Amino acid sequence: MNDREGLKEDLKKLSARATQAKMDLHDLSEELPVNWSSIMAVAQKAHDAFDELERKRRELDQLEEPKGLQSCQL
């Protein structure tokens, strides 16, 4: 498996993890004020999942970018 294929597999897993974290945060919001003390932990988990997903997307974009354009970025 090459780098691009590996990144695409990672993106699938990270996307599923981010979606689950988003759903967990949504579920928590619907149950408030029950478990209000876990807001920060659940929100941090969602933030971390989406942050990692975005980093991997940028990494894949850089791999897929034509070589000549990489040096022309502002």
C-alpha atoms as a PDB file:
ATOM      1  CA  MET A   1       0.000   0.000   0.000  1.00  0.00           C
ATOM      2  CA  ASN A   2       1.428   3.402  -0.930  1.00  0.00           C
ATOM      3  CA  ASP A   3       1.286   6.592   1.156  1.00  0.00           C
ATOM      4  CA  ARG A   4      -1.834   7.868  -0.575  1.00  0.00           C
ATOM      5  CA  GLU A   5      -3.770   4.638  -0.035  1.00  0.00           C
ATOM      6  CA  GLY A   6      -2.641   4.502   3.579  1.00  0.00           C
ATOM      7  CA  LEU A   7      -3.775   8.074   4.167  1.00  0.00           C
ATOM      8  CA  LYS A   8      -7.148   7.346   2.575  1.00  0.00           C
ATOM      9  CA  GLU A   9      -7.598   4.379   4.922  1.00  0.00           C
ATOM     10  CA  ASP A  10      -6.617   6.575   7.877  1.00  0.00           C
ATOM     11  CA  LEU A  11      -9.111   9.193   6.724  1.00  0.00           C
ATOM     12  CA  LYS A  12     -11.941   6.661   6.691  1.00  0.00           C
ATOM     13  CA  LYS A  13     -11.146   5.637  10.264  1.00  0.00           C
ATOM     14  CA  LEU A  14     -10.682   9.206  11.445  1.00  0.00           C
ATOM     15  CA  SER A  15     -13.903  10.290   9.770  1.00  0.00           C
ATOM     16  CA  ALA A  16     -15.815   7.550  11.572  1.00  0.00           C
ATOM     17  CA  ARG A  17     -14.187   8.546  14.868  1.00  0.00           C
ATOM     18  CA  ALA A  18     -15.010  12.229  14.310  1.00  0.00           C
ATOM     19  CA  THR A  19     -18.602  11.408  13.402  1.00  0.00           C
ATOM     20  CA  GLN A  20     -18.987   9.333  16.546  1.00  0.00           C
ATOM     21  CA  ALA A  21     -17.503  12.129  18.672  1.00  0.00           C
ATOM     22  CA  LYS A  22     -19.939  14.595  17.075  1.00  0.00           C
ATOM     23  CA  MET A  23     -22.839  12.277  17.854  1.00  0.00           C
ATOM     24  CA  ASP A  24     -21.647  11.865  21.447  1.00  0.00           C
ATOM     25  CA  LEU A  25     -21.546  15.643  21.854  1.00  0.00           C
ATOM     26  CA  HIS A  26     -25.003  15.976  20.310  1.00  0.00           C
ATOM     27  CA  ASP A  27     -26.411  13.262  22.577  1.00  0.00           C
ATOM     28  CA  LEU A  28     -24.910  14.947  25.611  1.00  0.00           C
ATOM     29  CA  SER A  29     -26.477  18.269  24.627  1.00  0.00           C
ATOM     30  CA  GLU A  30     -29.901  16.672  24.394  1.00  0.00           C
ATOM     31  CA  GLU A  31     -29.557  15.193  27.888  1.00  0.00           C
ATOM     32  CA  LEU A  32     -28.517  18.417  29.615  1.00  0.00           C
ATOM     33  CA  PRO A  33     -28.459  19.251  32.467  1.00  0.00           C
ATOM     34  CA  VAL A  34     -27.770  15.578  33.153  1.00  0.00           C
ATOM     35  CA  ASN A  35     -24.022  14.876  32.925  1.00  0.00           C
ATOM     36  CA  TRP A  36     -23.247  18.569  32.474  1.00  0.00           C
ATOM     37  CA  SER A  37     -19.873  18.019  34.136  1.00  0.00           C
ATOM     38  CA  SER A  38     -18.698  15.916  31.194  1.00  0.00           C
ATOM     39  CA  ILE A  39     -19.221  18.692  28.619  1.00  0.00           C
ATOM     40  CA  MET A  40     -15.560  19.676  28.478  1.00  0.00           C
ATOM     41  CA  ALA A  41     -14.277  16.104  28.118  1.00  0.00           C
ATOM     42  CA  VAL A  42     -16.767  15.198  25.384  1.00  0.00           C
ATOM     43  CA  ALA A  43     -16.175  18.487  23.557  1.00  0.00           C
ATOM     44  CA  GLN A  44     -12.391  18.014  23.753  1.00  0.00           C
ATOM     45  CA  LYS A  45     -12.722  14.525  22.313  1.00  0.00           C
ATOM     46  CA  ALA A  46     -14.754  15.909  19.392  1.00  0.00           C
ATOM     47  CA  HIS A  47     -12.296  18.766  18.878  1.00  0.00           C
ATOM     48  CA  ASP A  48      -9.313  16.405  18.869  1.00  0.00           C
ATOM     49  CA  ALA A  49     -10.986  14.015  16.431  1.00  0.00           C
ATOM     50  CA  PHE A  50     -11.823  16.767  13.945  1.00  0.00           C
ATOM     51  CA  ASP A  51      -8.396  18.365  14.351  1.00  0.00           C
ATOM     52  CA  GLU A  52      -6.683  15.092  13.496  1.00  0.00           C
ATOM     53  CA  LEU A  53      -9.050  14.516  10.572  1.00  0.00           C
ATOM     54  CA  GLU A  54      -8.273  17.958   9.117  1.00  0.00           C
ATOM     55  CA  ARG A  55      -4.515  17.442   9.494  1.00  0.00           C
ATOM     56  CA  LYS A  56      -4.716  14.147   7.598  1.00  0.00           C
ATOM     57  CA  ARG A  57      -6.855  15.752   4.875  1.00  0.00           C
ATOM     58  CA  ARG A  58      -4.244  18.468   4.379  1.00  0.00           C
ATOM     59  CA  GLU A  59      -1.531  15.810   4.285  1.00  0.00           C
ATOM     60  CA  LEU A  60      -3.413  13.908   1.575  1.00  0.00           C
ATOM     61  CA  ASP A  61      -4.047  17.122  -0.368  1.00  0.00           C
ATOM     62  CA  GLN A  62      -0.318  17.831  -0.383  1.00  0.00           C
ATOM     63  CA  LEU A  63       0.421  14.345  -1.695  1.00  0.00           C
ATOM     64  CA  GLU A  64      -2.158  14.680  -4.457  1.00  0.00           C
ATOM     65  CA  GLU A  65      -1.083  18.170  -5.476  1.00  0.00           C
ATOM     66  CA  PRO A  66       0.891  18.322  -8.720  1.00  0.00           C
ATOM     67  CA  LYS A  67       4.604  18.675  -7.942  1.00  0.00           C
ATOM     68  CA  GLY A  68       4.994  21.992  -9.775  1.00  0.00           C
ATOM     69  CA  LEU A  69       2.272  23.696  -7.770  1.00  0.00           C
ATOM     70  CA  GLN A  70       3.691  22.866  -4.346  1.00  0.00           C
ATOM     71  CA  SER A  71       6.442  25.467  -4.668  1.00  0.00           C
ATOM     72  CA  CYS A  72       4.040  28.130  -5.997  1.00  0.00           C
ATOM     73  CA  GLN A  73       1.835  28.321  -2.901  1.00  0.00           C
ATOM     74  CA  LEU A  74       1.561  31.678  -1.144  1.00  0.00           C
END
